[in-house]
Amino acid sequence: SQLANKARTEKEEKMSQAYAISAGVSLEGQQLFQTIHKTIKDCKWQEKNIVVMEEVVIAPPYQVENCKGKEGSALSHVRKIV
């Protein structure tokens, strides 16, 4: 069971990485996504934007000022990571 979960997780990470490369996301964007995903599993790509917990959107060029969302703990936490 643990082995199956680990395999599924690794597959999801590889698929996400492949999507980012095919969408033309910068290396910085890909690295930021991986960094956020280590801490917050609920993050995904929406075109070239990173969506975290369905609340925070980080648009290119993936800087603190590009983090948009409802003011609160989720937004401030994501900004700290960025």
PDB file of N, CA and C in Angstrom:
ATOM      1  N   SER A   1       0.824  -1.195   0.000  1.00  0.00           N
ATOM      2  CA  SER A   1       0.000   0.000   0.000  1.00  0.00           C
ATOM      3  C   SER A   1       0.870   1.261   0.000  1.00  0.00           C
ATOM      4  N   GLN A   2       1.885   1.267   0.865  1.00  0.00           N
ATOM      5  CA  GLN A   2       2.784   2.428   0.901  1.00  0.00           C
ATOM      6  C   GLN A   2       3.541   2.554  -0.412  1.00  0.00           C
ATOM      7  N   LEU A   3       3.942   1.421  -0.956  1.00  0.00           N
ATOM      8  CA  LEU A   3       4.680   1.427  -2.220  1.00  0.00           C
ATOM      9  C   LEU A   3       3.791   1.950  -3.353  1.00  0.00           C
ATOM     10  N   ALA A   4       2.528   1.542  -3.359  1.00  0.00           N
ATOM     11  CA  ALA A   4       1.593   2.012  -4.387  1.00  0.00           C
ATOM     12  C   ALA A   4       1.367   3.514  -4.252  1.00  0.00           C
ATOM     13  N   ASN A   5       1.242   4.012  -3.029  1.00  0.00           N
ATOM     14  CA  ASN A   5       1.062   5.455  -2.808  1.00  0.00           C
ATOM     15  C   ASN A   5       2.276   6.232  -3.282  1.00  0.00           C
ATOM     16  N   LYS A   6       3.455   5.712  -2.974  1.00  0.00           N
ATOM     17  CA  LYS A   6       4.688   6.383  -3.390  1.00  0.00           C
ATOM     18  C   LYS A   6       4.789   6.415  -4.919  1.00  0.00           C
ATOM     19  N   ALA A   7       4.454   5.320  -5.561  1.00  0.00           N
ATOM     20  CA  ALA A   7       4.499   5.261  -7.024  1.00  0.00           C
ATOM     21  C   ALA A   7       3.500   6.245  -7.635  1.00  0.00           C
ATOM     22  N   ARG A   8       2.294   6.325  -7.067  1.00  0.00           N
ATOM     23  CA  ARG A   8       1.274   7.246  -7.579  1.00  0.00           C
ATOM     24  C   ARG A   8       1.734   8.684  -7.414  1.00  0.00           C
ATOM     25  N   THR A   9       2.307   9.002  -6.261  1.00  0.00           N
ATOM     26  CA  THR A   9       2.795  10.353  -5.994  1.00  0.00           C
ATOM     27  C   THR A   9       3.896  10.735  -6.980  1.00  0.00           C
ATOM     28  N   GLU A  10       4.826   9.828  -7.195  1.00  0.00           N
ATOM     29  CA  GLU A  10       5.916  10.110  -8.137  1.00  0.00           C
ATOM     30  C   GLU A  10       5.380  10.294  -9.557  1.00  0.00           C
ATOM     31  N   LYS A  11       4.392   9.507  -9.934  1.00  0.00           N
ATOM     32  CA  LYS A  11       3.798   9.633 -11.270  1.00  0.00           C
ATOM     33  C   LYS A  11       3.129  10.999 -11.418  1.00  0.00           C
ATOM     34  N   GLU A  12       2.386  11.418 -10.386  1.00  0.00           N
ATOM     35  CA  GLU A  12       1.725  12.721 -10.432  1.00  0.00           C
ATOM     36  C   GLU A  12       2.737  13.845 -10.557  1.00  0.00           C
ATOM     37  N   GLU A  13       3.847  13.733  -9.834  1.00  0.00           N
ATOM     38  CA  GLU A  13       4.884  14.771  -9.908  1.00  0.00           C
ATOM     39  C   GLU A  13       5.491  14.829 -11.301  1.00  0.00           C
ATOM     40  N   LYS A  14       5.750  13.676 -11.897  1.00  0.00           N
ATOM     41  CA  LYS A  14       6.327  13.638 -13.248  1.00  0.00           C
ATOM     42  C   LYS A  14       5.348  14.197 -14.281  1.00  0.00           C
ATOM     43  N   MET A  15       4.066  13.881 -14.132  1.00  0.00           N
ATOM     44  CA  MET A  15       3.059  14.402 -15.066  1.00  0.00           C
ATOM     45  C   MET A  15       2.966  15.921 -14.948  1.00  0.00           C
ATOM     46  N   SER A  16       3.027  16.413 -13.733  1.00  0.00           N
ATOM     47  CA  SER A  16       2.971  17.856 -13.510  1.00  0.00           C
ATOM     48  C   SER A  16       4.184  18.535 -14.136  1.00  0.00           C
ATOM     49  N   GLN A  17       5.333  17.923 -13.959  1.00  0.00           N
ATOM     50  CA  GLN A  17       6.564  18.472 -14.523  1.00  0.00           C
ATOM     51  C   GLN A  17       6.494  18.463 -16.055  1.00  0.00           C
ATOM     52  N   ALA A  18       5.993  17.392 -16.621  1.00  0.00           N
ATOM     53  CA  ALA A  18       5.871  17.292 -18.075  1.00  0.00           C
ATOM     54  C   ALA A  18       4.906  18.355 -18.598  1.00  0.00           C
ATOM     55  N   TYR A  19       3.802  18.571 -17.881  1.00  0.00           N
ATOM     56  CA  TYR A  19       2.845  19.600 -18.302  1.00  0.00           C
ATOM     57  C   TYR A  19       3.523  20.968 -18.319  1.00  0.00           C
ATOM     58  N   ALA A  20       4.262  21.278 -17.252  1.00  0.00           N
ATOM     59  CA  ALA A  20       4.911  22.585 -17.147  1.00  0.00           C
ATOM     60  C   ALA A  20       5.888  22.810 -18.302  1.00  0.00           C
ATOM     61  N   ILE A  21       6.635  21.790 -18.632  1.00  0.00           N
ATOM     62  CA  ILE A  21       7.603  21.905 -19.730  1.00  0.00           C
ATOM     63  C   ILE A  21       6.865  22.116 -21.051  1.00  0.00           C
ATOM     64  N   SER A  22       5.799  21.349 -21.284  1.00  0.00           N
ATOM     65  CA  SER A  22       5.064  21.469 -22.545  1.00  0.00           C
ATOM     66  C   SER A  22       4.329  22.810 -22.643  1.00  0.00           C
ATOM     67  N   ALA A  23       3.956  23.395 -21.507  1.00  0.00           N
ATOM     68  CA  ALA A  23       3.252  24.682 -21.515  1.00  0.00           C
ATOM     69  C   ALA A  23       4.216  25.849 -21.651  1.00  0.00           C
ATOM     70  N   GLY A  24       5.514  25.586 -21.630  1.00  0.00           N
ATOM     71  CA  GLY A  24       6.498  26.644 -21.795  1.00  0.00           C
ATOM     72  C   GLY A  24       6.759  27.434 -20.524  1.00  0.00           C
ATOM     73  N   VAL A  25       6.552  26.805 -19.380  1.00  0.00           N
ATOM     74  CA  VAL A  25       6.794  27.474 -18.099  1.00  0.00           C
ATOM     75  C   VAL A  25       8.300  27.594 -17.889  1.00  0.00           C
ATOM     76  N   SER A  26       8.725  28.741 -17.358  1.00  0.00           N
ATOM     77  CA  SER A  26      10.153  28.972 -17.117  1.00  0.00           C
ATOM     78  C   SER A  26      10.686  28.005 -16.072  1.00  0.00           C
ATOM     79  N   LEU A  27      11.997  27.842 -16.065  1.00  0.00           N
ATOM     80  CA  LEU A  27      12.646  26.973 -15.089  1.00  0.00           C
ATOM     81  C   LEU A  27      12.366  27.456 -13.671  1.00  0.00           C
ATOM     82  N   GLU A  28      12.347  28.779 -13.484  1.00  0.00           N
ATOM     83  CA  GLU A  28      12.052  29.340 -12.157  1.00  0.00           C
ATOM     84  C   GLU A  28      10.646  28.948 -11.713  1.00  0.00           C
ATOM     85  N   GLY A  29       9.690  28.983 -12.637  1.00  0.00           N
ATOM     86  CA  GLY A  29       8.320  28.593 -12.328  1.00  0.00           C
ATOM     87  C   GLY A  29       8.219  27.130 -11.948  1.00  0.00           C
ATOM     88  N   GLN A  30       8.929  26.283 -12.684  1.00  0.00           N
ATOM     89  CA  GLN A  30       8.924  24.852 -12.387  1.00  0.00           C
ATOM     90  C   GLN A  30       9.531  24.578 -11.013  1.00  0.00           C
ATOM     91  N   GLN A  31      10.639  25.260 -10.707  1.00  0.00           N
ATOM     92  CA  GLN A  31      11.291  25.070  -9.415  1.00  0.00           C
ATOM     93  C   GLN A  31      10.401  25.556  -8.271  1.00  0.00           C
ATOM     94  N   LEU A  32       9.725  26.688  -8.481  1.00  0.00           N
ATOM     95  CA  LEU A  32       8.830  27.214  -7.456  1.00  0.00           C
ATOM     96  C   LEU A  32       7.684  26.237  -7.219  1.00  0.00           C
ATOM     97  N   PHE A  33       7.110  25.696  -8.283  1.00  0.00           N
ATOM     98  CA  PHE A  33       6.021  24.727  -8.142  1.00  0.00           C
ATOM     99  C   PHE A  33       6.478  23.538  -7.303  1.00  0.00           C
ATOM    100  N   GLN A  34       7.667  23.021  -7.594  1.00  0.00           N
ATOM    101  CA  GLN A  34       8.183  21.869  -6.851  1.00  0.00           C
ATOM    102  C   GLN A  34       8.404  22.215  -5.389  1.00  0.00           C
ATOM    103  N   THR A  35       8.905  23.414  -5.127  1.00  0.00           N
ATOM    104  CA  THR A  35       9.135  23.850  -3.750  1.00  0.00           C
ATOM    105  C   THR A  35       7.827  23.956  -2.983  1.00  0.00           C
ATOM    106  N   ILE A  36       6.819  24.569  -3.605  1.00  0.00           N
ATOM    107  CA  ILE A  36       5.515  24.700  -2.945  1.00  0.00           C
ATOM    108  C   ILE A  36       4.890  23.325  -2.736  1.00  0.00           C
ATOM    109  N   HIS A  37       5.000  22.463  -3.742  1.00  0.00           N
ATOM    110  CA  HIS A  37       4.366  21.142  -3.684  1.00  0.00           C
ATOM    111  C   HIS A  37       4.934  20.283  -2.558  1.00  0.00           C
ATOM    112  N   LYS A  38       6.191  20.506  -2.185  1.00  0.00           N
ATOM    113  CA  LYS A  38       6.789  19.753  -1.066  1.00  0.00           C
ATOM    114  C   LYS A  38       6.065  20.061   0.234  1.00  0.00           C
ATOM    115  N   THR A  39       5.633  21.307   0.392  1.00  0.00           N
ATOM    116  CA  THR A  39       4.965  21.740   1.619  1.00  0.00           C
ATOM    117  C   THR A  39       3.454  21.621   1.519  1.00  0.00           C
ATOM    118  N   ILE A  40       2.910  22.020   0.384  1.00  0.00           N
ATOM    119  CA  ILE A  40       1.454  22.051   0.186  1.00  0.00           C
ATOM    120  C   ILE A  40       1.126  21.159  -1.012  1.00  0.00           C
ATOM    121  N   LYS A  41       0.573  20.005  -0.758  1.00  0.00           N
ATOM    122  CA  LYS A  41       0.290  19.047  -1.835  1.00  0.00           C
ATOM    123  C   LYS A  41      -0.816  19.533  -2.767  1.00  0.00           C
ATOM    124  N   ASP A  42      -1.698  20.384  -2.263  1.00  0.00           N
ATOM    125  CA  ASP A  42      -2.830  20.859  -3.059  1.00  0.00           C
ATOM    126  C   ASP A  42      -2.418  22.043  -3.936  1.00  0.00           C
ATOM    127  N   CYS A  43      -1.599  21.756  -4.944  1.00  0.00           N
ATOM    128  CA  CYS A  43      -1.245  22.797  -5.912  1.00  0.00           C
ATOM    129  C   CYS A  43      -1.205  22.165  -7.298  1.00  0.00           C
ATOM    130  N   LYS A  44      -1.554  22.979  -8.294  1.00  0.00           N
ATOM    131  CA  LYS A  44      -1.649  22.470  -9.660  1.00  0.00           C
ATOM    132  C   LYS A  44      -1.355  23.590 -10.640  1.00  0.00           C
ATOM    133  N   TRP A  45      -1.183  23.206 -11.882  1.00  0.00           N
ATOM    134  CA  TRP A  45      -0.973  24.170 -12.958  1.00  0.00           C
ATOM    135  C   TRP A  45      -2.315  24.532 -13.573  1.00  0.00           C
ATOM    136  N   GLN A  46      -2.471  25.790 -13.909  1.00  0.00           N
ATOM    137  CA  GLN A  46      -3.608  26.266 -14.690  1.00  0.00           C
ATOM    138  C   GLN A  46      -2.990  27.137 -15.778  1.00  0.00           C
ATOM    139  N   GLU A  47      -2.770  26.539 -16.943  1.00  0.00           N
ATOM    140  CA  GLU A  47      -1.963  27.136 -18.003  1.00  0.00           C
ATOM    141  C   GLU A  47      -0.582  27.413 -17.419  1.00  0.00           C
ATOM    142  N   LYS A  48      -0.136  28.695 -17.386  1.00  0.00           N
ATOM    143  CA  LYS A  48       1.188  28.980 -16.831  1.00  0.00           C
ATOM    144  C   LYS A  48       1.118  29.456 -15.384  1.00  0.00           C
ATOM    145  N   ASN A  49      -0.072  29.473 -14.806  1.00  0.00           N
ATOM    146  CA  ASN A  49      -0.245  29.921 -13.421  1.00  0.00           C
ATOM    147  C   ASN A  49      -0.190  28.736 -12.468  1.00  0.00           C
ATOM    148  N   ILE A  50       0.328  28.986 -11.272  1.00  0.00           N
ATOM    149  CA  ILE A  50       0.323  27.981 -10.218  1.00  0.00           C
ATOM    150  C   ILE A  50      -0.865  28.295  -9.316  1.00  0.00           C
ATOM    151  N   VAL A  51      -1.723  27.309  -9.092  1.00  0.00           N
ATOM    152  CA  VAL A  51      -2.888  27.487  -8.224  1.00  0.00           C
ATOM    153  C   VAL A  51      -2.660  26.653  -6.965  1.00  0.00           C
ATOM    154  N   VAL A  52      -2.701  27.333  -5.805  1.00  0.00           N
ATOM    155  CA  VAL A  52      -2.435  26.667  -4.534  1.00  0.00           C
ATOM    156  C   VAL A  52      -3.707  26.664  -3.696  1.00  0.00           C
ATOM    157  N   MET A  53      -4.140  25.477  -3.285  1.00  0.00           N
ATOM    158  CA  MET A  53      -5.317  25.291  -2.430  1.00  0.00           C
ATOM    159  C   MET A  53      -6.561  25.981  -2.985  1.00  0.00           C
ATOM    160  N   GLU A  54      -6.656  26.107  -4.295  1.00  0.00           N
ATOM    161  CA  GLU A  54      -7.806  26.753  -4.950  1.00  0.00           C
ATOM    162  C   GLU A  54      -8.032  28.187  -4.464  1.00  0.00           C
ATOM    163  N   GLU A  55      -7.054  28.759  -3.750  1.00  0.00           N
ATOM    164  CA  GLU A  55      -7.213  30.093  -3.170  1.00  0.00           C
ATOM    165  C   GLU A  55      -6.197  31.106  -3.685  1.00  0.00           C
ATOM    166  N   VAL A  56      -4.995  30.646  -3.968  1.00  0.00           N
ATOM    167  CA  VAL A  56      -3.905  31.548  -4.337  1.00  0.00           C
ATOM    168  C   VAL A  56      -3.439  31.218  -5.751  1.00  0.00           C
ATOM    169  N   VAL A  57      -3.284  32.253  -6.570  1.00  0.00           N
ATOM    170  CA  VAL A  57      -2.795  32.088  -7.938  1.00  0.00           C
ATOM    171  C   VAL A  57      -1.492  32.858  -8.064  1.00  0.00           C
ATOM    172  N   ILE A  58      -0.460  32.162  -8.565  1.00  0.00           N
ATOM    173  CA  ILE A  58       0.835  32.804  -8.798  1.00  0.00           C
ATOM    174  C   ILE A  58       1.051  32.837 -10.304  1.00  0.00           C
ATOM    175  N   ALA A  59       1.144  34.031 -10.846  1.00  0.00           N
ATOM    176  CA  ALA A  59       1.311  34.210 -12.292  1.00  0.00           C
ATOM    177  C   ALA A  59       2.786  34.483 -12.604  1.00  0.00           C
ATOM    178  N   PRO A  60       3.204  34.214 -13.840  1.00  0.00           N
ATOM    179  CA  PRO A  60       4.573  34.562 -14.227  1.00  0.00           C
ATOM    180  C   PRO A  60       4.801  36.046 -14.032  1.00  0.00           C
ATOM    181  N   PRO A  61       5.946  36.506 -13.638  1.00  0.00           N
ATOM    182  CA  PRO A  61       7.225  35.805 -13.464  1.00  0.00           C
ATOM    183  C   PRO A  61       7.441  35.180 -12.079  1.00  0.00           C
ATOM    184  N   TYR A  62       6.380  34.813 -11.389  1.00  0.00           N
ATOM    185  CA  TYR A  62       6.453  34.033 -10.147  1.00  0.00           C
ATOM    186  C   TYR A  62       7.208  34.739  -9.022  1.00  0.00           C
ATOM    187  N   GLN A  63       6.883  35.995  -8.818  1.00  0.00           N
ATOM    188  CA  GLN A  63       7.452  36.784  -7.721  1.00  0.00           C
ATOM    189  C   GLN A  63       6.365  37.007  -6.665  1.00  0.00           C
ATOM    190  N   VAL A  64       6.763  37.523  -5.498  1.00  0.00           N
ATOM    191  CA  VAL A  64       5.817  37.759  -4.407  1.00  0.00           C
ATOM    192  C   VAL A  64       4.656  38.645  -4.863  1.00  0.00           C
ATOM    193  N   GLU A  65       4.965  39.676  -5.651  1.00  0.00           N
ATOM    194  CA  GLU A  65       3.908  40.591  -6.100  1.00  0.00           C
ATOM    195  C   GLU A  65       2.949  39.943  -7.107  1.00  0.00           C
ATOM    196  N   ASN A  66       3.289  38.748  -7.616  1.00  0.00           N
ATOM    197  CA  ASN A  66       2.421  38.036  -8.552  1.00  0.00           C
ATOM    198  C   ASN A  66       1.499  37.039  -7.857  1.00  0.00           C
ATOM    199  N   CYS A  67       1.542  36.995  -6.524  1.00  0.00           N
ATOM    200  CA  CYS A  67       0.662  36.115  -5.748  1.00  0.00           C
ATOM    201  C   CYS A  67      -0.662  36.836  -5.516  1.00  0.00           C
ATOM    202  N   LYS A  68      -1.736  36.270  -6.027  1.00  0.00           N
ATOM    203  CA  LYS A  68      -3.051  36.896  -5.892  1.00  0.00           C
ATOM    204  C   LYS A  68      -3.996  35.932  -5.191  1.00  0.00           C
ATOM    205  N   GLY A  69      -4.882  36.498  -4.393  1.00  0.00           N
ATOM    206  CA  GLY A  69      -5.875  35.681  -3.710  1.00  0.00           C
ATOM    207  C   GLY A  69      -6.491  36.457  -2.573  1.00  0.00           C
ATOM    208  N   LYS A  70      -7.413  35.815  -1.890  1.00  0.00           N
ATOM    209  CA  LYS A  70      -8.081  36.447  -0.765  1.00  0.00           C
ATOM    210  C   LYS A  70      -7.073  36.594   0.371  1.00  0.00           C
ATOM    211  N   GLU A  71      -7.000  37.808   0.942  1.00  0.00           N
ATOM    212  CA  GLU A  71      -6.063  38.037   2.047  1.00  0.00           C
ATOM    213  C   GLU A  71      -6.369  37.057   3.175  1.00  0.00           C
ATOM    214  N   GLY A  72      -5.326  36.453   3.687  1.00  0.00           N
ATOM    215  CA  GLY A  72      -5.499  35.499   4.770  1.00  0.00           C
ATOM    216  C   GLY A  72      -4.263  34.651   4.945  1.00  0.00           C
ATOM    217  N   SER A  73      -4.392  33.609   5.741  1.00  0.00           N
ATOM    218  CA  SER A  73      -3.229  32.788   6.072  1.00  0.00           C
ATOM    219  C   SER A  73      -2.677  32.044   4.863  1.00  0.00           C
ATOM    220  N   ALA A  74      -3.543  31.583   3.955  1.00  0.00           N
ATOM    221  CA  ALA A  74      -3.059  30.859   2.775  1.00  0.00           C
ATOM    222  C   ALA A  74      -2.196  31.765   1.909  1.00  0.00           C
ATOM    223  N   LEU A  75      -2.667  32.961   1.645  1.00  0.00           N
ATOM    224  CA  LEU A  75      -1.926  33.908   0.811  1.00  0.00           C
ATOM    225  C   LEU A  75      -0.598  34.286   1.464  1.00  0.00           C
ATOM    226  N   SER A  76      -0.621  34.585   2.749  1.00  0.00           N
ATOM    227  CA  SER A  76       0.620  34.979   3.420  1.00  0.00           C
ATOM    228  C   SER A  76       1.608  33.810   3.474  1.00  0.00           C
ATOM    229  N   HIS A  77       1.117  32.592   3.661  1.00  0.00           N
ATOM    230  CA  HIS A  77       2.007  31.430   3.705  1.00  0.00           C
ATOM    231  C   HIS A  77       2.679  31.201   2.345  1.00  0.00           C
ATOM    232  N   VAL A  78       1.889  31.303   1.278  1.00  0.00           N
ATOM    233  CA  VAL A  78       2.436  31.113  -0.069  1.00  0.00           C
ATOM    234  C   VAL A  78       3.457  32.211  -0.377  1.00  0.00           C
ATOM    235  N   ARG A  79       3.151  33.447   0.025  1.00  0.00           N
ATOM    236  CA  ARG A  79       4.104  34.550  -0.215  1.00  0.00           C
ATOM    237  C   ARG A  79       5.424  34.297   0.509  1.00  0.00           C
ATOM    238  N   LYS A  80       5.378  33.729   1.702  1.00  0.00           N
ATOM    239  CA  LYS A  80       6.617  33.401   2.426  1.00  0.00           C
ATOM    240  C   LYS A  80       7.447  32.371   1.651  1.00  0.00           C
ATOM    241  N   ILE A  81       6.769  31.392   1.086  1.00  0.00           N
ATOM    242  CA  ILE A  81       7.481  30.360   0.306  1.00  0.00           C
ATOM    243  C   ILE A  81       8.110  30.973  -0.931  1.00  0.00           C
ATOM    244  N   VAL A  82       7.363  31.840  -1.609  1.00  0.00           N
ATOM    245  CA  VAL A  82       7.856  32.475  -2.837  1.00  0.00           C
ATOM    246  C   VAL A  82       9.047  33.355  -2.494  1.00  0.00           C
TER     247      VAL A  82
END
